[in-house]
Amino acid sequence: MTAPRPDGGVAARAVTLNSPPVVAYDPTSPVANVRGYVDAPEIDPISEVSNALAAGRAFAFSAKVLNAADKDEQTLLDLKT
């Protein structure tokens, strides 16, 4: 979970979920048990990839902003000399 902070940062904390395992019926799977059930992941791959792409874009944007601020500061320092 993340939440914006008043100073402009982000606070994050880990959350552990204790939900029952998700099982799917697939008797043709090599990892199926004797009844034909397979333990399925408890994630949504589409949302995980989407979140990863959004985080990458946010990081790239933040890096561009920092570079622009650095150039502006360097220009100001050059004007003083």
N, C-alpha and C. Protein backbone atom coordinates (compact mmCIF):
# COMPACT_ATOMS: atom_id res chain seq x y z
N MET A 1 0.83 -1.17 0.00
CA MET A 1 0.00 0.00 0.00
C MET A 1 0.88 1.24 0.00
N THR A 2 0.49 2.23 -0.77
CA THR A 2 1.20 3.50 -0.77
C THR A 2 0.23 4.63 -0.50
N ALA A 3 0.75 5.68 0.06
CA ALA A 3 -0.07 6.85 0.35
C ALA A 3 0.79 8.09 0.18
N PRO A 4 0.24 9.16 -0.41
CA PRO A 4 1.03 10.39 -0.55
C PRO A 4 1.27 11.03 0.81
N ARG A 5 2.42 11.67 0.93
CA ARG A 5 2.77 12.35 2.16
C ARG A 5 2.69 13.84 1.93
N PRO A 6 2.48 14.62 3.00
CA PRO A 6 2.36 16.08 2.86
C PRO A 6 3.62 16.72 2.28
N ASP A 7 4.80 16.11 2.53
CA ASP A 7 6.04 16.70 2.03
C ASP A 7 6.34 16.33 0.58
N GLY A 8 5.41 15.61 -0.06
CA GLY A 8 5.57 15.27 -1.47
C GLY A 8 6.11 13.88 -1.70
N GLY A 9 6.54 13.17 -0.68
CA GLY A 9 7.03 11.81 -0.83
C GLY A 9 5.90 10.80 -0.81
N VAL A 10 6.27 9.55 -0.77
CA VAL A 10 5.29 8.48 -0.72
C VAL A 10 5.69 7.54 0.41
N ALA A 11 4.72 7.17 1.23
CA ALA A 11 4.96 6.20 2.29
C ALA A 11 4.41 4.86 1.82
N ALA A 12 5.17 3.80 2.01
CA ALA A 12 4.74 2.48 1.58
C ALA A 12 4.87 1.51 2.75
N ARG A 13 3.98 0.54 2.76
CA ARG A 13 4.10 -0.51 3.77
C ARG A 13 3.66 -1.82 3.14
N ALA A 14 4.29 -2.89 3.58
CA ALA A 14 3.98 -4.21 3.04
C ALA A 14 2.74 -4.77 3.72
N VAL A 15 1.94 -5.45 2.95
CA VAL A 15 0.73 -6.08 3.48
C VAL A 15 0.78 -7.56 3.12
N THR A 16 0.68 -8.41 4.13
CA THR A 16 0.67 -9.85 3.90
C THR A 16 -0.77 -10.35 3.96
N LEU A 17 -1.17 -11.01 2.90
CA LEU A 17 -2.52 -11.55 2.85
C LEU A 17 -2.49 -13.04 3.19
N ASN A 18 -3.38 -13.45 4.03
CA ASN A 18 -3.50 -14.86 4.38
C ASN A 18 -4.81 -15.41 3.84
N SER A 19 -4.90 -15.48 2.52
CA SER A 19 -6.12 -15.99 1.91
C SER A 19 -5.92 -17.46 1.55
N PRO A 20 -7.02 -18.20 1.43
CA PRO A 20 -6.89 -19.61 1.08
C PRO A 20 -6.33 -19.76 -0.33
N PRO A 21 -5.63 -20.85 -0.59
CA PRO A 21 -5.06 -21.04 -1.92
C PRO A 21 -6.15 -21.17 -2.99
N VAL A 22 -5.83 -20.69 -4.16
CA VAL A 22 -6.75 -20.78 -5.29
C VAL A 22 -6.43 -22.07 -6.04
N VAL A 23 -7.44 -22.86 -6.28
CA VAL A 23 -7.23 -24.11 -7.01
C VAL A 23 -8.04 -24.08 -8.31
N ALA A 24 -7.46 -24.67 -9.33
CA ALA A 24 -8.12 -24.76 -10.63
C ALA A 24 -8.13 -26.22 -11.06
N TYR A 25 -9.19 -26.61 -11.72
CA TYR A 25 -9.30 -27.99 -12.19
C TYR A 25 -8.64 -28.12 -13.55
N ASP A 26 -7.55 -28.86 -13.60
CA ASP A 26 -6.83 -29.11 -14.86
C ASP A 26 -6.15 -30.47 -14.76
N PRO A 27 -6.90 -31.53 -15.03
CA PRO A 27 -6.33 -32.88 -14.88
C PRO A 27 -5.20 -33.18 -15.87
N THR A 28 -5.05 -32.39 -16.92
CA THR A 28 -3.98 -32.64 -17.89
C THR A 28 -2.65 -32.02 -17.49
N SER A 29 -2.66 -31.19 -16.46
CA SER A 29 -1.43 -30.54 -16.02
C SER A 29 -0.50 -31.55 -15.34
N PRO A 30 0.81 -31.46 -15.61
CA PRO A 30 1.74 -32.39 -14.96
C PRO A 30 1.89 -32.14 -13.46
N VAL A 31 1.46 -30.99 -12.97
CA VAL A 31 1.56 -30.71 -11.54
C VAL A 31 0.24 -30.89 -10.81
N ALA A 32 -0.77 -31.45 -11.50
CA ALA A 32 -2.08 -31.66 -10.87
C ALA A 32 -1.98 -32.76 -9.83
N ASN A 33 -2.81 -32.64 -8.78
CA ASN A 33 -2.84 -33.69 -7.76
C ASN A 33 -3.69 -34.85 -8.28
N VAL A 34 -3.91 -35.85 -7.44
CA VAL A 34 -4.62 -37.04 -7.90
C VAL A 34 -6.07 -36.75 -8.28
N ARG A 35 -6.64 -35.68 -7.78
CA ARG A 35 -8.01 -35.31 -8.14
C ARG A 35 -8.07 -34.39 -9.36
N GLY A 36 -6.92 -33.95 -9.88
CA GLY A 36 -6.88 -33.12 -11.06
C GLY A 36 -6.83 -31.63 -10.78
N TYR A 37 -6.61 -31.26 -9.54
CA TYR A 37 -6.57 -29.84 -9.18
C TYR A 37 -5.14 -29.32 -9.14
N VAL A 38 -4.98 -28.06 -9.53
CA VAL A 38 -3.68 -27.40 -9.56
C VAL A 38 -3.78 -26.12 -8.73
N ASP A 39 -2.76 -25.86 -7.93
CA ASP A 39 -2.70 -24.59 -7.20
C ASP A 39 -2.42 -23.48 -8.20
N ALA A 40 -3.28 -22.47 -8.23
CA ALA A 40 -3.14 -21.35 -9.16
C ALA A 40 -2.59 -20.14 -8.41
N PRO A 41 -1.90 -19.25 -9.11
CA PRO A 41 -1.38 -18.05 -8.44
C PRO A 41 -2.51 -17.14 -7.99
N GLU A 42 -2.26 -16.42 -6.91
CA GLU A 42 -3.26 -15.50 -6.36
C GLU A 42 -3.06 -14.09 -6.87
N ILE A 43 -2.52 -13.96 -8.05
CA ILE A 43 -2.28 -12.63 -8.62
C ILE A 43 -3.01 -12.50 -9.94
N ASP A 44 -3.20 -11.26 -10.34
CA ASP A 44 -3.76 -10.98 -11.66
C ASP A 44 -2.60 -10.49 -12.52
N PRO A 45 -2.11 -11.34 -13.43
CA PRO A 45 -0.92 -10.96 -14.20
C PRO A 45 -1.10 -9.67 -15.00
N ILE A 46 -2.31 -9.42 -15.49
CA ILE A 46 -2.55 -8.21 -16.28
C ILE A 46 -2.33 -6.97 -15.42
N SER A 47 -2.90 -6.96 -14.22
CA SER A 47 -2.74 -5.78 -13.36
C SER A 47 -1.30 -5.65 -12.87
N GLU A 48 -0.61 -6.76 -12.64
CA GLU A 48 0.79 -6.70 -12.20
C GLU A 48 1.68 -6.08 -13.27
N VAL A 49 1.49 -6.49 -14.52
CA VAL A 49 2.29 -5.92 -15.61
C VAL A 49 1.93 -4.46 -15.80
N SER A 50 0.65 -4.15 -15.72
CA SER A 50 0.20 -2.76 -15.86
C SER A 50 0.82 -1.88 -14.78
N ASN A 51 0.81 -2.36 -13.55
CA ASN A 51 1.41 -1.60 -12.45
C ASN A 51 2.91 -1.42 -12.64
N ALA A 52 3.59 -2.46 -13.13
CA ALA A 52 5.02 -2.36 -13.36
C ALA A 52 5.33 -1.33 -14.45
N LEU A 53 4.55 -1.33 -15.52
CA LEU A 53 4.76 -0.35 -16.59
C LEU A 53 4.50 1.07 -16.08
N ALA A 54 3.45 1.25 -15.30
CA ALA A 54 3.15 2.57 -14.75
C ALA A 54 4.26 3.04 -13.83
N ALA A 55 4.80 2.15 -13.02
CA ALA A 55 5.89 2.52 -12.12
C ALA A 55 7.13 2.91 -12.92
N GLY A 56 7.41 2.19 -13.99
CA GLY A 56 8.56 2.52 -14.83
C GLY A 56 8.42 3.88 -15.47
N ARG A 57 7.21 4.18 -15.95
CA ARG A 57 6.97 5.49 -16.56
C ARG A 57 7.08 6.61 -15.52
N ALA A 58 6.56 6.36 -14.33
CA ALA A 58 6.65 7.37 -13.27
C ALA A 58 8.10 7.63 -12.90
N PHE A 59 8.90 6.57 -12.84
CA PHE A 59 10.32 6.73 -12.52
C PHE A 59 11.02 7.54 -13.62
N ALA A 60 10.75 7.21 -14.88
CA ALA A 60 11.38 7.94 -15.99
C ALA A 60 10.99 9.40 -15.97
N PHE A 61 9.73 9.68 -15.68
CA PHE A 61 9.27 11.07 -15.61
C PHE A 61 9.98 11.80 -14.47
N SER A 62 10.09 11.16 -13.33
CA SER A 62 10.77 11.78 -12.19
C SER A 62 12.23 12.06 -12.51
N ALA A 63 12.88 11.16 -13.22
CA ALA A 63 14.28 11.38 -13.60
C ALA A 63 14.39 12.58 -14.54
N LYS A 64 13.45 12.72 -15.48
CA LYS A 64 13.47 13.88 -16.38
C LYS A 64 13.27 15.18 -15.61
N VAL A 65 12.37 15.17 -14.65
CA VAL A 65 12.14 16.37 -13.84
C VAL A 65 13.40 16.74 -13.06
N LEU A 66 14.06 15.75 -12.47
CA LEU A 66 15.29 16.02 -11.72
C LEU A 66 16.38 16.57 -12.64
N ASN A 67 16.50 16.01 -13.83
CA ASN A 67 17.50 16.52 -14.78
C ASN A 67 17.19 17.96 -15.19
N ALA A 68 15.93 18.28 -15.41
CA ALA A 68 15.56 19.65 -15.77
C ALA A 68 15.86 20.60 -14.63
N ALA A 69 15.55 20.20 -13.41
CA ALA A 69 15.84 21.04 -12.24
C ALA A 69 17.34 21.24 -12.09
N ASP A 70 18.11 20.19 -12.34
CA ASP A 70 19.56 20.29 -12.24
C ASP A 70 20.10 21.26 -13.28
N LYS A 71 19.58 21.19 -14.50
CA LYS A 71 20.02 22.13 -15.54
C LYS A 71 19.65 23.56 -15.19
N ASP A 72 18.45 23.76 -14.64
CA ASP A 72 18.04 25.11 -14.23
C ASP A 72 18.96 25.64 -13.14
N GLU A 73 19.28 24.81 -12.16
CA GLU A 73 20.15 25.24 -11.08
C GLU A 73 21.54 25.54 -11.59
N GLN A 74 22.03 24.73 -12.53
CA GLN A 74 23.35 24.98 -13.09
C GLN A 74 23.37 26.29 -13.87
N THR A 75 22.29 26.59 -14.58
CA THR A 75 22.18 27.86 -15.31
C THR A 75 22.21 29.03 -14.35
N LEU A 76 21.49 28.92 -13.23
CA LEU A 76 21.52 29.99 -12.23
C LEU A 76 22.90 30.18 -11.64
N LEU A 77 23.58 29.09 -11.38
CA LEU A 77 24.94 29.20 -10.83
C LEU A 77 25.91 29.82 -11.84
N ASP A 78 25.72 29.51 -13.11
CA ASP A 78 26.56 30.09 -14.16
C ASP A 78 26.33 31.60 -14.29
N LEU A 79 25.07 32.03 -14.06
CA LEU A 79 24.76 33.45 -14.15
C LEU A 79 25.41 34.25 -13.02
N LYS A 80 25.58 33.60 -11.86
CA LYS A 80 26.18 34.30 -10.71
C LYS A 80 27.67 34.54 -10.89
N THR A 81 28.34 33.74 -11.70
CA THR A 81 29.79 33.87 -11.82
C THR A 81 30.21 34.81 -12.91
